[in-house]
Amino acid sequence: MSTGPNRIMDEFAKLMTDAAGAAQGVRREIETAFNAHAERWLNSMDIVKREEFEVVREMAIKARDENDALLARIEALEAKLASKGK
């Protein structure tokens, strides 16, 4: 068993270790509470998540490309009909 100054230093080191562990626990609790509150707040505002936005964006790009291809096809068919009609 330690005696004297060594025992005091051991107890102080143990106290500091316990305090650091408690501070980390408090920090995790605060982060969890903040994240939950922020998520509830964002959900109440009907804000779109980034993943959902990217999916819809890709769908719009694909639809626009298909639309452009169909427009070019229609123009080609119209030109072909116009040349046959002359």
N, C-alpha and C. Protein backbone atom coordinates (compact mmCIF):
# COMPACT_ATOMS: atom_id res chain seq x y z
N MET A 1 0.83 -1.18 0.00
CA MET A 1 0.00 0.00 0.00
C MET A 1 0.88 1.24 0.00
N SER A 2 0.55 2.20 -0.82
CA SER A 2 1.35 3.43 -0.92
C SER A 2 1.11 4.30 0.30
N THR A 3 2.15 5.04 0.64
CA THR A 3 2.03 5.97 1.75
C THR A 3 2.60 7.31 1.35
N GLY A 4 2.19 8.34 2.05
CA GLY A 4 2.78 9.65 1.85
C GLY A 4 2.44 10.28 0.52
N PRO A 5 3.45 11.00 -0.05
CA PRO A 5 3.21 11.75 -1.28
C PRO A 5 2.83 10.87 -2.47
N ASN A 6 3.37 9.64 -2.51
CA ASN A 6 3.02 8.75 -3.62
C ASN A 6 1.54 8.39 -3.60
N ARG A 7 1.01 8.16 -2.42
CA ARG A 7 -0.41 7.82 -2.32
C ARG A 7 -1.26 9.01 -2.75
N ILE A 8 -0.87 10.20 -2.36
CA ILE A 8 -1.62 11.40 -2.75
C ILE A 8 -1.58 11.56 -4.27
N MET A 9 -0.43 11.35 -4.87
CA MET A 9 -0.30 11.46 -6.33
C MET A 9 -1.13 10.38 -7.03
N ASP A 10 -1.13 9.16 -6.46
CA ASP A 10 -1.92 8.08 -7.05
C ASP A 10 -3.41 8.41 -7.00
N GLU A 11 -3.85 8.91 -5.87
CA GLU A 11 -5.26 9.28 -5.73
C GLU A 11 -5.62 10.44 -6.67
N PHE A 12 -4.71 11.40 -6.77
CA PHE A 12 -4.95 12.54 -7.67
C PHE A 12 -5.02 12.08 -9.12
N ALA A 13 -4.12 11.18 -9.52
CA ALA A 13 -4.13 10.64 -10.88
C ALA A 13 -5.43 9.88 -11.15
N LYS A 14 -5.87 9.10 -10.17
CA LYS A 14 -7.12 8.35 -10.31
C LYS A 14 -8.29 9.32 -10.45
N LEU A 15 -8.31 10.36 -9.64
CA LEU A 15 -9.37 11.36 -9.69
C LEU A 15 -9.41 12.05 -11.05
N MET A 16 -8.25 12.39 -11.59
CA MET A 16 -8.19 13.05 -12.90
C MET A 16 -8.66 12.11 -14.02
N THR A 17 -8.29 10.84 -13.91
CA THR A 17 -8.72 9.85 -14.90
C THR A 17 -10.24 9.70 -14.87
N ASP A 18 -10.79 9.61 -13.67
CA ASP A 18 -12.25 9.51 -13.53
C ASP A 18 -12.94 10.76 -14.06
N ALA A 19 -12.38 11.92 -13.79
CA ALA A 19 -12.97 13.18 -14.26
C ALA A 19 -12.93 13.25 -15.78
N ALA A 20 -11.84 12.80 -16.38
CA ALA A 20 -11.74 12.82 -17.84
C ALA A 20 -12.78 11.88 -18.45
N GLY A 21 -12.95 10.70 -17.86
CA GLY A 21 -13.96 9.76 -18.35
C GLY A 21 -15.36 10.34 -18.22
N ALA A 22 -15.64 10.99 -17.11
CA ALA A 22 -16.95 11.60 -16.91
C ALA A 22 -17.17 12.73 -17.91
N ALA A 23 -16.14 13.51 -18.19
CA ALA A 23 -16.27 14.61 -19.15
C ALA A 23 -16.55 14.08 -20.55
N GLN A 24 -15.92 12.97 -20.92
CA GLN A 24 -16.19 12.38 -22.23
C GLN A 24 -17.62 11.87 -22.31
N GLY A 25 -18.11 11.28 -21.23
CA GLY A 25 -19.49 10.80 -21.20
C GLY A 25 -20.48 11.94 -21.35
N VAL A 26 -20.21 13.03 -20.66
CA VAL A 26 -21.08 14.21 -20.76
C VAL A 26 -21.04 14.76 -22.18
N ARG A 27 -19.87 14.80 -22.78
CA ARG A 27 -19.75 15.30 -24.15
C ARG A 27 -20.57 14.45 -25.13
N ARG A 28 -20.48 13.13 -24.97
CA ARG A 28 -21.26 12.23 -25.84
C ARG A 28 -22.75 12.44 -25.65
N GLU A 29 -23.18 12.62 -24.43
CA GLU A 29 -24.60 12.85 -24.15
C GLU A 29 -25.07 14.16 -24.79
N ILE A 30 -24.26 15.20 -24.69
CA ILE A 30 -24.62 16.50 -25.27
C ILE A 30 -24.67 16.39 -26.79
N GLU A 31 -23.70 15.72 -27.40
CA GLU A 31 -23.71 15.55 -28.85
C GLU A 31 -24.94 14.78 -29.31
N THR A 32 -25.29 13.72 -28.59
CA THR A 32 -26.46 12.92 -28.94
C THR A 32 -27.73 13.75 -28.85
N ALA A 33 -27.86 14.50 -27.77
CA ALA A 33 -29.04 15.34 -27.59
C ALA A 33 -29.11 16.42 -28.66
N PHE A 34 -27.99 17.03 -28.98
CA PHE A 34 -27.96 18.08 -30.01
C PHE A 34 -28.33 17.51 -31.37
N ASN A 35 -27.74 16.35 -31.72
CA ASN A 35 -28.04 15.75 -33.02
C ASN A 35 -29.51 15.37 -33.13
N ALA A 36 -30.09 14.83 -32.07
CA ALA A 36 -31.50 14.46 -32.09
C ALA A 36 -32.37 15.70 -32.25
N HIS A 37 -32.05 16.76 -31.53
CA HIS A 37 -32.82 18.00 -31.63
C HIS A 37 -32.69 18.62 -33.03
N ALA A 38 -31.48 18.62 -33.57
CA ALA A 38 -31.26 19.18 -34.91
C ALA A 38 -32.02 18.38 -35.96
N GLU A 39 -32.01 17.06 -35.82
CA GLU A 39 -32.73 16.21 -36.78
C GLU A 39 -34.23 16.45 -36.70
N ARG A 40 -34.78 16.57 -35.49
CA ARG A 40 -36.21 16.87 -35.35
C ARG A 40 -36.54 18.22 -35.98
N TRP A 41 -35.69 19.20 -35.76
CA TRP A 41 -35.91 20.53 -36.30
C TRP A 41 -35.88 20.51 -37.83
N LEU A 42 -34.90 19.83 -38.41
CA LEU A 42 -34.81 19.75 -39.87
C LEU A 42 -35.99 18.98 -40.45
N ASN A 43 -36.41 17.91 -39.79
CA ASN A 43 -37.56 17.14 -40.27
C ASN A 43 -38.84 17.97 -40.24
N SER A 44 -38.97 18.85 -39.26
CA SER A 44 -40.16 19.69 -39.17
C SER A 44 -40.20 20.73 -40.29
N MET A 45 -39.06 21.01 -40.89
CA MET A 45 -39.00 22.02 -41.96
C MET A 45 -39.16 21.40 -43.35
N ASP A 46 -39.37 20.10 -43.43
CA ASP A 46 -39.50 19.41 -44.72
C ASP A 46 -38.32 19.66 -45.63
N ILE A 47 -37.14 19.62 -45.08
CA ILE A 47 -35.93 19.78 -45.88
C ILE A 47 -35.57 18.42 -46.48
N VAL A 48 -35.24 18.44 -47.76
CA VAL A 48 -34.90 17.22 -48.47
C VAL A 48 -33.49 16.79 -48.10
N LYS A 49 -33.32 15.48 -47.88
CA LYS A 49 -31.99 14.96 -47.59
C LYS A 49 -31.17 14.95 -48.87
N ARG A 50 -29.89 15.05 -48.72
CA ARG A 50 -28.98 15.11 -49.87
C ARG A 50 -29.13 13.89 -50.77
N GLU A 51 -29.26 12.71 -50.18
CA GLU A 51 -29.39 11.48 -50.97
C GLU A 51 -30.65 11.52 -51.84
N GLU A 52 -31.77 11.98 -51.26
CA GLU A 52 -33.02 12.08 -52.01
C GLU A 52 -32.88 13.09 -53.14
N PHE A 53 -32.23 14.20 -52.86
CA PHE A 53 -32.02 15.22 -53.88
C PHE A 53 -31.22 14.67 -55.04
N GLU A 54 -30.16 13.93 -54.74
CA GLU A 54 -29.31 13.38 -55.79
C GLU A 54 -30.08 12.38 -56.66
N VAL A 55 -30.94 11.57 -56.04
CA VAL A 55 -31.73 10.60 -56.80
C VAL A 55 -32.66 11.32 -57.77
N VAL A 56 -33.36 12.33 -57.29
CA VAL A 56 -34.29 13.08 -58.15
C VAL A 56 -33.51 13.83 -59.23
N ARG A 57 -32.35 14.35 -58.88
CA ARG A 57 -31.52 15.05 -59.86
C ARG A 57 -31.12 14.11 -61.00
N GLU A 58 -30.70 12.90 -60.65
CA GLU A 58 -30.31 11.92 -61.68
C GLU A 58 -31.51 11.55 -62.55
N MET A 59 -32.68 11.43 -61.93
CA MET A 59 -33.89 11.13 -62.71
C MET A 59 -34.19 12.26 -63.69
N ALA A 60 -34.03 13.50 -63.25
CA ALA A 60 -34.30 14.65 -64.12
C ALA A 60 -33.30 14.70 -65.28
N ILE A 61 -32.04 14.41 -65.01
CA ILE A 61 -31.03 14.40 -66.07
C ILE A 61 -31.36 13.33 -67.09
N LYS A 62 -31.75 12.15 -66.61
CA LYS A 62 -32.10 11.06 -67.53
C LYS A 62 -33.32 11.44 -68.37
N ALA A 63 -34.33 12.02 -67.74
CA ALA A 63 -35.54 12.42 -68.47
C ALA A 63 -35.21 13.50 -69.51
N ARG A 64 -34.35 14.44 -69.16
CA ARG A 64 -33.97 15.49 -70.10
C ARG A 64 -33.22 14.90 -71.29
N ASP A 65 -32.31 13.96 -71.02
CA ASP A 65 -31.57 13.31 -72.12
C ASP A 65 -32.52 12.55 -73.04
N GLU A 66 -33.47 11.82 -72.44
CA GLU A 66 -34.44 11.09 -73.26
C GLU A 66 -35.30 12.05 -74.06
N ASN A 67 -35.68 13.16 -73.47
CA ASN A 67 -36.47 14.17 -74.16
C ASN A 67 -35.71 14.77 -75.34
N ASP A 68 -34.43 15.05 -75.12
CA ASP A 68 -33.61 15.59 -76.22
C ASP A 68 -33.48 14.58 -77.35
N ALA A 69 -33.32 13.29 -77.00
CA ALA A 69 -33.21 12.24 -78.03
C ALA A 69 -34.51 12.13 -78.81
N LEU A 70 -35.63 12.18 -78.11
CA LEU A 70 -36.92 12.10 -78.80
C LEU A 70 -37.16 13.33 -79.68
N LEU A 71 -36.78 14.49 -79.24
CA LEU A 71 -36.92 15.70 -80.04
C LEU A 71 -36.10 15.59 -81.32
N ALA A 72 -34.88 15.10 -81.20
CA ALA A 72 -34.04 14.93 -82.39
C ALA A 72 -34.67 13.91 -83.34
N ARG A 73 -35.23 12.86 -82.80
CA ARG A 73 -35.88 11.85 -83.63
C ARG A 73 -37.10 12.42 -84.35
N ILE A 74 -37.90 13.21 -83.64
CA ILE A 74 -39.08 13.84 -84.27
C ILE A 74 -38.65 14.78 -85.39
N GLU A 75 -37.62 15.57 -85.13
CA GLU A 75 -37.14 16.50 -86.16
C GLU A 75 -36.65 15.75 -87.39
N ALA A 76 -35.98 14.62 -87.16
CA ALA A 76 -35.50 13.82 -88.29
C ALA A 76 -36.67 13.25 -89.08
N LEU A 77 -37.69 12.76 -88.39
CA LEU A 77 -38.86 12.22 -89.07
C LEU A 77 -39.62 13.31 -89.83
N GLU A 78 -39.74 14.48 -89.22
CA GLU A 78 -40.41 15.60 -89.89
C GLU A 78 -39.65 16.02 -91.14
N ALA A 79 -38.32 16.04 -91.04
CA ALA A 79 -37.50 16.41 -92.20
C ALA A 79 -37.66 15.35 -93.31
N LYS A 80 -37.73 14.10 -92.94
CA LYS A 80 -37.89 13.02 -93.89
C LYS A 80 -39.26 13.12 -94.58
N LEU A 81 -40.31 13.41 -93.79
CA LEU A 81 -41.63 13.57 -94.37
C LEU A 81 -41.70 14.79 -95.30
N ALA A 82 -41.04 15.85 -94.90
CA ALA A 82 -41.05 17.06 -95.72
C ALA A 82 -40.33 16.83 -97.03
N SER A 83 -39.24 16.06 -97.00
CA SER A 83 -38.52 15.81 -98.24
C SER A 83 -39.30 14.88 -99.16
N LYS A 84 -40.10 13.98 -98.63
CA LYS A 84 -40.93 13.09 -99.43
C LYS A 84 -42.11 13.82 -100.04
N GLY A 85 -42.58 14.82 -99.36
CA GLY A 85 -43.74 15.56 -99.83
C GLY A 85 -43.41 16.51 -100.98
N LYS A 86 -42.19 16.77 -101.25
CA LYS A 86 -41.80 17.72 -102.31
C LYS A 86 -41.71 17.07 -103.62
